[in-house]
């Protein structure tokens, strides 16, 4: 079920705040790998911030163009995928980079 764009944006920004930077804002517990319990998150958002349903949370996670959030396979946990200011182990596997790797840089910044 779609939600209005304003609430979608507000929810995404709030999820970024509590899952990437300040979980204490809503007294949310996050484990060493960045996971939070979905039901706990919803309960605390509803208590301390604004009304949010599980369907709305699922909509925001699945429709975020930058894929900022991830559910666990069993959908009981959620975490931010990137950009943490908290010390988080995302359990990513190291890979060997390809022989040629490109990075987009503005021409004016090439000398820096």
PDB file of N, CA and C in Angstrom:
ATOM      1  N   UNK A   1       0.845  -1.180   0.000  1.00  0.00           N
ATOM      2  CA  UNK A   1       0.000   0.000   0.000  1.00  0.00           C
ATOM      3  C   UNK A   1       0.892   1.245   0.000  1.00  0.00           C
ATOM      4  N   UNK A   2       0.771   2.074  -1.030  1.00  0.00           N
ATOM      5  CA  UNK A   2       1.604   3.284  -1.108  1.00  0.00           C
ATOM      6  C   UNK A   2       1.291   4.253   0.028  1.00  0.00           C
ATOM      7  N   UNK A   3       2.267   5.073   0.327  1.00  0.00           N
ATOM      8  CA  UNK A   3       2.063   6.106   1.340  1.00  0.00           C
ATOM      9  C   UNK A   3       2.369   7.447   0.702  1.00  0.00           C
ATOM     10  N   UNK A   4       1.884   8.522   1.310  1.00  0.00           N
ATOM     11  CA  UNK A   4       2.138   9.824   0.710  1.00  0.00           C
ATOM     12  C   UNK A   4       3.632  10.135   0.785  1.00  0.00           C
ATOM     13  N   UNK A   5       4.091  10.891  -0.195  1.00  0.00           N
ATOM     14  CA  UNK A   5       5.522  11.167  -0.360  1.00  0.00           C
ATOM     15  C   UNK A   5       6.119  11.845   0.869  1.00  0.00           C
ATOM     16  N   UNK A   6       5.386  12.738   1.491  1.00  0.00           N
ATOM     17  CA  UNK A   6       5.886  13.448   2.670  1.00  0.00           C
ATOM     18  C   UNK A   6       6.176  12.473   3.818  1.00  0.00           C
ATOM     19  N   UNK A   7       5.250  11.552   4.070  1.00  0.00           N
ATOM     20  CA  UNK A   7       5.468  10.579   5.147  1.00  0.00           C
ATOM     21  C   UNK A   7       6.582   9.605   4.774  1.00  0.00           C
ATOM     22  N   UNK A   8       6.665   9.233   3.515  1.00  0.00           N
ATOM     23  CA  UNK A   8       7.740   8.343   3.060  1.00  0.00           C
ATOM     24  C   UNK A   8       9.105   8.985   3.307  1.00  0.00           C
ATOM     25  N   UNK A   9       9.244  10.261   2.951  1.00  0.00           N
ATOM     26  CA  UNK A   9      10.505  10.983   3.153  1.00  0.00           C
ATOM     27  C   UNK A   9      10.807  11.136   4.638  1.00  0.00           C
ATOM     28  N   UNK A  10       9.815  11.513   5.415  1.00  0.00           N
ATOM     29  CA  UNK A  10      10.007  11.683   6.863  1.00  0.00           C
ATOM     30  C   UNK A  10      10.418  10.358   7.507  1.00  0.00           C
ATOM     31  N   UNK A  11       9.783   9.273   7.086  1.00  0.00           N
ATOM     32  CA  UNK A  11      10.107   7.957   7.638  1.00  0.00           C
ATOM     33  C   UNK A  11      11.524   7.544   7.270  1.00  0.00           C
ATOM     34  N   UNK A  12      11.906   7.742   6.020  1.00  0.00           N
ATOM     35  CA  UNK A  12      13.254   7.389   5.572  1.00  0.00           C
ATOM     36  C   UNK A  12      14.316   8.171   6.337  1.00  0.00           C
ATOM     37  N   UNK A  13      14.095   9.455   6.504  1.00  0.00           N
ATOM     38  CA  UNK A  13      15.055  10.286   7.248  1.00  0.00           C
ATOM     39  C   UNK A  13      15.123   9.865   8.713  1.00  0.00           C
ATOM     40  N   UNK A  14      13.979   9.539   9.288  1.00  0.00           N
ATOM     41  CA  UNK A  14      13.971   9.130  10.690  1.00  0.00           C
ATOM     42  C   UNK A  14      14.652   7.776  10.863  1.00  0.00           C
ATOM     43  N   UNK A  15      14.417   6.854   9.932  1.00  0.00           N
ATOM     44  CA  UNK A  15      15.106   5.562   9.982  1.00  0.00           C
ATOM     45  C   UNK A  15      16.613   5.751   9.881  1.00  0.00           C
ATOM     46  N   UNK A  16      17.049   6.656   9.011  1.00  0.00           N
ATOM     47  CA  UNK A  16      18.483   6.946   8.903  1.00  0.00           C
ATOM     48  C   UNK A  16      19.027   7.452  10.227  1.00  0.00           C
ATOM     49  N   UNK A  17      18.296   8.326  10.865  1.00  0.00           N
ATOM     50  CA  UNK A  17      18.735   8.863  12.153  1.00  0.00           C
ATOM     51  C   UNK A  17      18.892   7.752  13.188  1.00  0.00           C
ATOM     52  N   UNK A  18      17.857   6.936  13.364  1.00  0.00           N
ATOM     53  CA  UNK A  18      17.896   5.964  14.463  1.00  0.00           C
ATOM     54  C   UNK A  18      18.674   4.695  14.134  1.00  0.00           C
ATOM     55  N   UNK A  19      18.783   4.321  12.866  1.00  0.00           N
ATOM     56  CA  UNK A  19      19.519   3.102  12.521  1.00  0.00           C
ATOM     57  C   UNK A  19      20.982   3.361  12.175  1.00  0.00           C
ATOM     58  N   UNK A  20      21.332   4.601  11.817  1.00  0.00           N
ATOM     59  CA  UNK A  20      22.711   4.903  11.424  1.00  0.00           C
ATOM     60  C   UNK A  20      23.465   5.739  12.446  1.00  0.00           C
ATOM     61  N   UNK A  21      22.752   6.559  13.205  1.00  0.00           N
ATOM     62  CA  UNK A  21      23.448   7.556  14.014  1.00  0.00           C
ATOM     63  C   UNK A  21      23.029   7.612  15.484  1.00  0.00           C
ATOM     64  N   UNK A  22      21.747   7.715  15.759  1.00  0.00           N
ATOM     65  CA  UNK A  22      21.293   7.987  17.129  1.00  0.00           C
ATOM     66  C   UNK A  22      20.131   7.088  17.554  1.00  0.00           C
ATOM     67  N   UNK A  23      20.384   5.796  17.746  1.00  0.00           N
ATOM     68  CA  UNK A  23      19.293   4.921  18.191  1.00  0.00           C
ATOM     69  C   UNK A  23      18.737   5.317  19.553  1.00  0.00           C
ATOM     70  N   UNK A  24      19.564   5.993  20.340  1.00  0.00           N
ATOM     71  CA  UNK A  24      19.119   6.411  21.675  1.00  0.00           C
ATOM     72  C   UNK A  24      17.988   7.435  21.616  1.00  0.00           C
ATOM     73  N   UNK A  25      17.788   8.066  20.462  1.00  0.00           N
ATOM     74  CA  UNK A  25      16.696   9.024  20.289  1.00  0.00           C
ATOM     75  C   UNK A  25      15.355   8.411  20.689  1.00  0.00           C
ATOM     76  N   UNK A  26      15.186   7.118  20.370  1.00  0.00           N
ATOM     77  CA  UNK A  26      13.940   6.425  20.721  1.00  0.00           C
ATOM     78  C   UNK A  26      14.215   5.218  21.628  1.00  0.00           C
ATOM     79  N   UNK A  27      15.377   5.209  22.268  1.00  0.00           N
ATOM     80  CA  UNK A  27      15.751   4.117  23.185  1.00  0.00           C
ATOM     81  C   UNK A  27      15.766   2.767  22.473  1.00  0.00           C
ATOM     82  N   UNK A  28      16.312   2.756  21.251  1.00  0.00           N
ATOM     83  CA  UNK A  28      16.357   1.549  20.427  1.00  0.00           C
ATOM     84  C   UNK A  28      17.672   0.816  20.646  1.00  0.00           C
ATOM     85  N   UNK A  29      17.594  -0.499  20.817  1.00  0.00           N
ATOM     86  CA  UNK A  29      18.795  -1.317  20.944  1.00  0.00           C
ATOM     87  C   UNK A  29      19.194  -1.842  19.572  1.00  0.00           C
ATOM     88  N   UNK A  30      20.477  -1.648  19.240  1.00  0.00           N
ATOM     89  CA  UNK A  30      21.038  -2.136  17.984  1.00  0.00           C
ATOM     90  C   UNK A  30      22.207  -3.041  18.340  1.00  0.00           C
ATOM     91  N   UNK A  31      22.291  -4.227  17.707  1.00  0.00           N
ATOM     92  CA  UNK A  31      23.383  -5.137  18.041  1.00  0.00           C
ATOM     93  C   UNK A  31      24.668  -4.734  17.311  1.00  0.00           C
ATOM     94  N   UNK A  32      25.733  -5.486  17.527  1.00  0.00           N
ATOM     95  CA  UNK A  32      27.053  -5.148  16.978  1.00  0.00           C
ATOM     96  C   UNK A  32      27.075  -5.144  15.456  1.00  0.00           C
ATOM     97  N   UNK A  33      26.114  -5.819  14.832  1.00  0.00           N
ATOM     98  CA  UNK A  33      26.041  -5.866  13.377  1.00  0.00           C
ATOM     99  C   UNK A  33      25.010  -4.897  12.808  1.00  0.00           C
ATOM    100  N   UNK A  34      24.492  -4.015  13.649  1.00  0.00           N
ATOM    101  CA  UNK A  34      23.582  -2.975  13.197  1.00  0.00           C
ATOM    102  C   UNK A  34      22.118  -3.363  13.153  1.00  0.00           C
ATOM    103  N   UNK A  35      21.779  -4.572  13.594  1.00  0.00           N
ATOM    104  CA  UNK A  35      20.389  -5.035  13.529  1.00  0.00           C
ATOM    105  C   UNK A  35      19.562  -4.539  14.707  1.00  0.00           C
ATOM    106  N   UNK A  36      18.320  -4.173  14.402  1.00  0.00           N
ATOM    107  CA  UNK A  36      17.323  -3.828  15.418  1.00  0.00           C
ATOM    108  C   UNK A  36      16.100  -4.709  15.187  1.00  0.00           C
ATOM    109  N   UNK A  37      15.410  -5.060  16.245  1.00  0.00           N
ATOM    110  CA  UNK A  37      14.191  -5.839  16.143  1.00  0.00           C
ATOM    111  C   UNK A  37      13.097  -4.971  15.516  1.00  0.00           C
ATOM    112  N   UNK A  38      12.439  -5.492  14.487  1.00  0.00           N
ATOM    113  CA  UNK A  38      11.426  -4.721  13.749  1.00  0.00           C
ATOM    114  C   UNK A  38      10.268  -4.309  14.655  1.00  0.00           C
ATOM    115  N   UNK A  39       9.755  -5.227  15.455  1.00  0.00           N
ATOM    116  CA  UNK A  39       8.624  -4.893  16.326  1.00  0.00           C
ATOM    117  C   UNK A  39       9.009  -3.848  17.367  1.00  0.00           C
ATOM    118  N   UNK A  40      10.234  -3.962  17.893  1.00  0.00           N
ATOM    119  CA  UNK A  40      10.729  -2.972  18.856  1.00  0.00           C
ATOM    120  C   UNK A  40      10.852  -1.604  18.186  1.00  0.00           C
ATOM    121  N   UNK A  41      11.397  -1.587  16.974  1.00  0.00           N
ATOM    122  CA  UNK A  41      11.527  -0.330  16.219  1.00  0.00           C
ATOM    123  C   UNK A  41      10.163   0.316  16.008  1.00  0.00           C
ATOM    124  N   UNK A  42       9.203  -0.461  15.532  1.00  0.00           N
ATOM    125  CA  UNK A  42       7.864   0.088  15.284  1.00  0.00           C
ATOM    126  C   UNK A  42       7.225   0.610  16.569  1.00  0.00           C
ATOM    127  N   UNK A  43       7.347  -0.157  17.636  1.00  0.00           N
ATOM    128  CA  UNK A  43       6.765   0.263  18.911  1.00  0.00           C
ATOM    129  C   UNK A  43       7.364   1.591  19.362  1.00  0.00           C
ATOM    130  N   UNK A  44       8.675   1.727  19.232  1.00  0.00           N
ATOM    131  CA  UNK A  44       9.331   2.940  19.723  1.00  0.00           C
ATOM    132  C   UNK A  44       9.116   4.134  18.796  1.00  0.00           C
ATOM    133  N   UNK A  45       9.042   3.911  17.501  1.00  0.00           N
ATOM    134  CA  UNK A  45       8.706   5.017  16.595  1.00  0.00           C
ATOM    135  C   UNK A  45       7.304   5.521  16.923  1.00  0.00           C
ATOM    136  N   UNK A  46       6.372   4.590  17.122  1.00  0.00           N
ATOM    137  CA  UNK A  46       5.001   4.982  17.453  1.00  0.00           C
ATOM    138  C   UNK A  46       4.909   5.676  18.804  1.00  0.00           C
ATOM    139  N   UNK A  47       5.739   5.296  19.742  1.00  0.00           N
ATOM    140  CA  UNK A  47       5.716   5.891  21.074  1.00  0.00           C
ATOM    141  C   UNK A  47       6.392   7.258  21.110  1.00  0.00           C
ATOM    142  N   UNK A  48       7.549   7.384  20.462  1.00  0.00           N
ATOM    143  CA  UNK A  48       8.363   8.597  20.596  1.00  0.00           C
ATOM    144  C   UNK A  48       8.318   9.551  19.400  1.00  0.00           C
ATOM    145  N   UNK A  49       7.797   9.109  18.255  1.00  0.00           N
ATOM    146  CA  UNK A  49       7.910   9.961  17.068  1.00  0.00           C
ATOM    147  C   UNK A  49       6.578  10.155  16.339  1.00  0.00           C
ATOM    148  N   UNK A  50       6.146   9.171  15.597  1.00  0.00           N
ATOM    149  CA  UNK A  50       4.928   9.290  14.794  1.00  0.00           C
ATOM    150  C   UNK A  50       4.378   7.901  14.525  1.00  0.00           C
ATOM    151  N   UNK A  51       3.145   7.847  14.035  1.00  0.00           N
ATOM    152  CA  UNK A  51       2.513   6.560  13.735  1.00  0.00           C
ATOM    153  C   UNK A  51       3.137   5.941  12.498  1.00  0.00           C
ATOM    154  N   UNK A  52       3.472   4.651  12.604  1.00  0.00           N
ATOM    155  CA  UNK A  52       4.049   3.915  11.481  1.00  0.00           C
ATOM    156  C   UNK A  52       3.627   2.457  11.597  1.00  0.00           C
ATOM    157  N   UNK A  53       3.110   1.909  10.505  1.00  0.00           N
ATOM    158  CA  UNK A  53       2.694   0.508  10.484  1.00  0.00           C
ATOM    159  C   UNK A  53       3.794  -0.349   9.859  1.00  0.00           C
ATOM    160  N   UNK A  54       3.678  -1.652  10.045  1.00  0.00           N
ATOM    161  CA  UNK A  54       4.618  -2.581   9.422  1.00  0.00           C
ATOM    162  C   UNK A  54       4.547  -2.462   7.903  1.00  0.00           C
ATOM    163  N   UNK A  55       3.356  -2.339   7.349  1.00  0.00           N
ATOM    164  CA  UNK A  55       3.214  -2.189   5.895  1.00  0.00           C
ATOM    165  C   UNK A  55       3.920  -0.934   5.393  1.00  0.00           C
ATOM    166  N   UNK A  56       3.814   0.155   6.139  1.00  0.00           N
ATOM    167  CA  UNK A  56       4.489   1.397   5.743  1.00  0.00           C
ATOM    168  C   UNK A  56       6.004   1.243   5.838  1.00  0.00           C
ATOM    169  N   UNK A  57       6.480   0.581   6.886  1.00  0.00           N
ATOM    170  CA  UNK A  57       7.916   0.340   7.020  1.00  0.00           C
ATOM    171  C   UNK A  57       8.422  -0.507   5.856  1.00  0.00           C
ATOM    172  N   UNK A  58       7.711  -1.566   5.524  1.00  0.00           N
ATOM    173  CA  UNK A  58       8.095  -2.421   4.398  1.00  0.00           C
ATOM    174  C   UNK A  58       8.101  -1.627   3.095  1.00  0.00           C
ATOM    175  N   UNK A  59       7.138  -0.740   2.917  1.00  0.00           N
ATOM    176  CA  UNK A  59       7.077   0.093   1.719  1.00  0.00           C
ATOM    177  C   UNK A  59       8.310   0.983   1.617  1.00  0.00           C
ATOM    178  N   UNK A  60       8.679   1.638   2.706  1.00  0.00           N
ATOM    179  CA  UNK A  60       9.839   2.539   2.699  1.00  0.00           C
ATOM    180  C   UNK A  60      11.116   1.765   2.396  1.00  0.00           C
ATOM    181  N   UNK A  61      11.285   0.606   3.020  1.00  0.00           N
ATOM    182  CA  UNK A  61      12.495  -0.194   2.793  1.00  0.00           C
ATOM    183  C   UNK A  61      12.559  -0.671   1.344  1.00  0.00           C
ATOM    184  N   UNK A  62      11.474  -1.182   0.815  1.00  0.00           N
ATOM    185  CA  UNK A  62      11.498  -1.743  -0.538  1.00  0.00           C
ATOM    186  C   UNK A  62      11.538  -0.681  -1.632  1.00  0.00           C
ATOM    187  N   UNK A  63      11.080   0.529  -1.344  1.00  0.00           N
ATOM    188  CA  UNK A  63      11.036   1.568  -2.373  1.00  0.00           C
ATOM    189  C   UNK A  63      12.137   2.607  -2.249  1.00  0.00           C
ATOM    190  N   UNK A  64      13.042   2.452  -1.305  1.00  0.00           N
ATOM    191  CA  UNK A  64      14.132   3.414  -1.154  1.00  0.00           C
ATOM    192  C   UNK A  64      15.094   3.257  -2.322  1.00  0.00           C
ATOM    193  N   UNK A  65      15.234   4.300  -3.122  1.00  0.00           N
ATOM    194  CA  UNK A  65      16.037   4.222  -4.349  1.00  0.00           C
ATOM    195  C   UNK A  65      17.506   3.928  -4.078  1.00  0.00           C
ATOM    196  N   UNK A  66      17.999   4.305  -2.920  1.00  0.00           N
ATOM    197  CA  UNK A  66      19.410   4.067  -2.593  1.00  0.00           C
ATOM    198  C   UNK A  66      19.611   2.806  -1.760  1.00  0.00           C
ATOM    199  N   UNK A  67      18.544   2.059  -1.535  1.00  0.00           N
ATOM    200  CA  UNK A  67      18.611   0.800  -0.774  1.00  0.00           C
ATOM    201  C   UNK A  67      19.334   0.993   0.555  1.00  0.00           C
ATOM    202  N   UNK A  68      18.914   1.999   1.298  1.00  0.00           N
ATOM    203  CA  UNK A  68      19.564   2.357   2.562  1.00  0.00           C
ATOM    204  C   UNK A  68      19.284   1.379   3.699  1.00  0.00           C
ATOM    205  N   UNK A  69      18.224   0.598   3.590  1.00  0.00           N
ATOM    206  CA  UNK A  69      17.809  -0.271   4.691  1.00  0.00           C
ATOM    207  C   UNK A  69      17.607  -1.697   4.197  1.00  0.00           C
ATOM    208  N   UNK A  70      17.833  -2.650   5.112  1.00  0.00           N
ATOM    209  CA  UNK A  70      17.734  -4.068   4.776  1.00  0.00           C
ATOM    210  C   UNK A  70      16.990  -4.798   5.881  1.00  0.00           C
ATOM    211  N   UNK A  71      16.096  -5.690   5.492  1.00  0.00           N
ATOM    212  CA  UNK A  71      15.470  -6.604   6.437  1.00  0.00           C
ATOM    213  C   UNK A  71      16.279  -7.893   6.482  1.00  0.00           C
ATOM    214  N   UNK A  72      16.273  -8.561   7.625  1.00  0.00           N
ATOM    215  CA  UNK A  72      16.845  -9.905   7.707  1.00  0.00           C
ATOM    216  C   UNK A  72      15.969 -10.837   6.867  1.00  0.00           C
ATOM    217  N   UNK A  73      16.493 -12.017   6.539  1.00  0.00           N
ATOM    218  CA  UNK A  73      15.739 -12.960   5.704  1.00  0.00           C
ATOM    219  C   UNK A  73      14.385 -13.323   6.292  1.00  0.00           C
ATOM    220  N   UNK A  74      14.296 -13.389   7.620  1.00  0.00           N
ATOM    221  CA  UNK A  74      13.021 -13.741   8.253  1.00  0.00           C
ATOM    222  C   UNK A  74      12.149 -12.520   8.571  1.00  0.00           C
ATOM    223  N   UNK A  75      12.600 -11.338   8.164  1.00  0.00           N
ATOM    224  CA  UNK A  75      11.868 -10.074   8.320  1.00  0.00           C
ATOM    225  C   UNK A  75      11.631  -9.664   9.776  1.00  0.00           C
ATOM    226  N   UNK A  76      12.407 -10.211  10.703  1.00  0.00           N
ATOM    227  CA  UNK A  76      12.239  -9.841  12.110  1.00  0.00           C
ATOM    228  C   UNK A  76      13.208  -8.751  12.541  1.00  0.00           C
ATOM    229  N   UNK A  77      14.235  -8.497  11.715  1.00  0.00           N
ATOM    230  CA  UNK A  77      15.240  -7.483  12.051  1.00  0.00           C
ATOM    231  C   UNK A  77      15.440  -6.550  10.860  1.00  0.00           C
ATOM    232  N   UNK A  78      15.927  -5.347  11.165  1.00  0.00           N
ATOM    233  CA  UNK A  78      16.182  -4.328  10.149  1.00  0.00           C
ATOM    234  C   UNK A  78      17.481  -3.616  10.509  1.00  0.00           C
ATOM    235  N   UNK A  79      18.196  -3.150   9.477  1.00  0.00           N
ATOM    236  CA  UNK A  79      19.383  -2.339   9.717  1.00  0.00           C
ATOM    237  C   UNK A  79      19.614  -1.413   8.536  1.00  0.00           C
ATOM    238  N   UNK A  80      20.418  -0.389   8.780  1.00  0.00           N
ATOM    239  CA  UNK A  80      20.861   0.486   7.700  1.00  0.00           C
ATOM    240  C   UNK A  80      21.968  -0.246   6.951  1.00  0.00           C
ATOM    241  N   UNK A  81      22.019  -0.068   5.643  1.00  0.00           N
ATOM    242  CA  UNK A  81      22.994  -0.767   4.808  1.00  0.00           C
ATOM    243  C   UNK A  81      24.320  -0.043   4.707  1.00  0.00           C
ATOM    244  N   UNK A  82      24.343   1.236   5.044  1.00  0.00           N
ATOM    245  CA  UNK A  82      25.548   2.044   4.836  1.00  0.00           C
ATOM    246  C   UNK A  82      25.455   3.338   5.629  1.00  0.00           C
ATOM    247  N   UNK A  83      26.587   4.035   5.735  1.00  0.00           N
ATOM    248  CA  UNK A  83      26.603   5.395   6.261  1.00  0.00           C
ATOM    249  C   UNK A  83      26.500   5.544   7.761  1.00  0.00           C
ATOM    250  N   UNK A  84      26.900   4.526   8.501  1.00  0.00           N
ATOM    251  CA  UNK A  84      26.805   4.597   9.962  1.00  0.00           C
ATOM    252  C   UNK A  84      27.853   5.530  10.555  1.00  0.00           C
ATOM    253  N   UNK A  85      27.473   6.269  11.562  1.00  0.00           N
ATOM    254  CA  UNK A  85      28.458   6.966  12.382  1.00  0.00           C
ATOM    255  C   UNK A  85      28.716   6.137  13.640  1.00  0.00           C
ATOM    256  N   UNK A  86      27.926   5.097  13.838  1.00  0.00           N
ATOM    257  CA  UNK A  86      28.120   4.147  14.931  1.00  0.00           C
ATOM    258  C   UNK A  86      29.137   3.101  14.491  1.00  0.00           C
ATOM    259  N   UNK A  87      29.799   2.463  15.441  1.00  0.00           N
ATOM    260  CA  UNK A  87      30.717   1.368  15.128  1.00  0.00           C
ATOM    261  C   UNK A  87      29.876   0.125  14.860  1.00  0.00           C
ATOM    262  N   UNK A  88      29.791  -0.280  13.594  1.00  0.00           N
ATOM    263  CA  UNK A  88      28.939  -1.390  13.174  1.00  0.00           C
ATOM    264  C   UNK A  88      29.745  -2.330  12.286  1.00  0.00           C
ATOM    265  N   UNK A  89      29.562  -3.640  12.465  1.00  0.00           N
ATOM    266  CA  UNK A  89      30.158  -4.640  11.590  1.00  0.00           C
ATOM    267  C   UNK A  89      29.049  -5.159  10.683  1.00  0.00           C
ATOM    268  N   UNK A  90      29.076  -4.768   9.414  1.00  0.00           N
ATOM    269  CA  UNK A  90      28.028  -5.175   8.478  1.00  0.00           C
ATOM    270  C   UNK A  90      28.242  -6.582   7.925  1.00  0.00           C
ATOM    271  N   UNK A  91      29.280  -7.276   8.392  1.00  0.00           N
ATOM    272  CA  UNK A  91      29.551  -8.658   7.998  1.00  0.00           C
ATOM    273  C   UNK A  91      29.725  -8.804   6.488  1.00  0.00           C
ATOM    274  N   UNK A  92      30.353  -7.828   5.872  1.00  0.00           N
ATOM    275  CA  UNK A  92      30.579  -7.877   4.432  1.00  0.00           C
ATOM    276  C   UNK A  92      31.836  -8.684   4.132  1.00  0.00           C
ATOM    277  N   UNK A  93      31.826  -9.410   3.026  1.00  0.00           N
ATOM    278  CA  UNK A  93      32.975 -10.197   2.602  1.00  0.00           C
ATOM    279  C   UNK A  93      33.898  -9.341   1.740  1.00  0.00           C
ATOM    280  N   UNK A  94      35.196  -9.398   2.050  1.00  0.00           N
ATOM    281  CA  UNK A  94      36.175  -8.676   1.231  1.00  0.00           C
ATOM    282  C   UNK A  94      36.293  -9.371  -0.122  1.00  0.00           C
ATOM    283  N   UNK A  95      36.425  -8.585  -1.169  1.00  0.00           N
ATOM    284  CA  UNK A  95      36.582  -9.123  -2.514  1.00  0.00           C
ATOM    285  C   UNK A  95      37.760  -8.460  -3.188  1.00  0.00           C
ATOM    286  N   UNK A  96      38.375  -9.178  -4.119  1.00  0.00           N
ATOM    287  CA  UNK A  96      39.474  -8.624  -4.901  1.00  0.00           C
ATOM    288  C   UNK A  96      38.883  -7.683  -5.942  1.00  0.00           C
ATOM    289  N   UNK A  97      39.402  -6.455  -6.008  1.00  0.00           N
ATOM    290  CA  UNK A  97      38.859  -5.524  -7.007  1.00  0.00           C
ATOM    291  C   UNK A  97      39.255  -5.956  -8.419  1.00  0.00           C
ATOM    292  N   UNK A  98      38.508  -5.530  -9.421  1.00  0.00           N
ATOM    293  CA  UNK A  98      38.852  -5.860 -10.808  1.00  0.00           C
ATOM    294  C   UNK A  98      40.133  -5.139 -11.220  1.00  0.00           C
ATOM    295  N   UNK A  99      40.771  -5.589 -12.320  1.00  0.00           N
ATOM    296  CA  UNK A  99      42.019  -4.955 -12.771  1.00  0.00           C
ATOM    297  C   UNK A  99      41.858  -3.460 -13.061  1.00  0.00           C
ATOM    298  N   UNK A 100      40.703  -3.072 -13.565  1.00  0.00           N
ATOM    299  CA  UNK A 100      40.436  -1.657 -13.844  1.00  0.00           C
ATOM    300  C   UNK A 100      39.229  -1.251 -13.011  1.00  0.00           C
ATOM    301  N   UNK A 101      39.403  -0.155 -12.279  1.00  0.00           N
ATOM    302  CA  UNK A 101      38.343   0.327 -11.404  1.00  0.00           C
ATOM    303  C   UNK A 101      38.121   1.803 -11.688  1.00  0.00           C
ATOM    304  N   UNK A 102      36.887   2.203 -11.868  1.00  0.00           N
ATOM    305  CA  UNK A 102      36.570   3.591 -12.189  1.00  0.00           C
ATOM    306  C   UNK A 102      35.956   4.286 -10.987  1.00  0.00           C
ATOM    307  N   UNK A 103      36.230   5.586 -10.873  1.00  0.00           N
ATOM    308  CA  UNK A 103      35.634   6.406  -9.830  1.00  0.00           C
ATOM    309  C   UNK A 103      35.229   7.726 -10.463  1.00  0.00           C
ATOM    310  N   UNK A 104      34.007   8.133 -10.251  1.00  0.00           N
ATOM    311  CA  UNK A 104      33.540   9.400 -10.813  1.00  0.00           C
ATOM    312  C   UNK A 104      34.055  10.581 -10.012  1.00  0.00           C
ATOM    313  N   UNK A 105      34.867  11.408 -10.626  1.00  0.00           N
ATOM    314  CA  UNK A 105      35.423  12.594  -9.977  1.00  0.00           C
ATOM    315  C   UNK A 105      35.281  13.777 -10.918  1.00  0.00           C
ATOM    316  N   UNK A 106      34.871  14.899 -10.378  1.00  0.00           N
ATOM    317  CA  UNK A 106      34.764  16.112 -11.194  1.00  0.00           C
ATOM    318  C   UNK A 106      36.156  16.530 -11.659  1.00  0.00           C
ATOM    319  N   UNK A 107      36.265  17.000 -12.885  1.00  0.00           N
ATOM    320  CA  UNK A 107      37.547  17.409 -13.458  1.00  0.00           C
ATOM    321  C   UNK A 107      38.267  18.412 -12.570  1.00  0.00           C
ATOM    322  N   UNK A 108      37.540  19.333 -11.976  1.00  0.00           N
ATOM    323  CA  UNK A 108      38.165  20.359 -11.134  1.00  0.00           C
ATOM    324  C   UNK A 108      38.848  19.763  -9.902  1.00  0.00           C
ATOM    325  N   UNK A 109      38.529  18.514  -9.539  1.00  0.00           N
ATOM    326  CA  UNK A 109      39.114  17.886  -8.354  1.00  0.00           C
ATOM    327  C   UNK A 109      40.225  16.885  -8.670  1.00  0.00           C
ATOM    328  N   UNK A 110      40.605  16.753  -9.932  1.00  0.00           N
ATOM    329  CA  UNK A 110      41.594  15.749 -10.312  1.00  0.00           C
ATOM    330  C   UNK A 110      42.938  15.940  -9.627  1.00  0.00           C
ATOM    331  N   UNK A 111      43.369  17.160  -9.405  1.00  0.00           N
ATOM    332  CA  UNK A 111      44.676  17.410  -8.807  1.00  0.00           C
ATOM    333  C   UNK A 111      44.688  17.222  -7.291  1.00  0.00           C
ATOM    334  N   UNK A 112      43.562  17.098  -6.669  1.00  0.00           N
ATOM    335  CA  UNK A 112      43.545  17.013  -5.201  1.00  0.00           C
ATOM    336  C   UNK A 112      43.767  15.613  -4.688  1.00  0.00           C
TER     337      UNK A 112
END
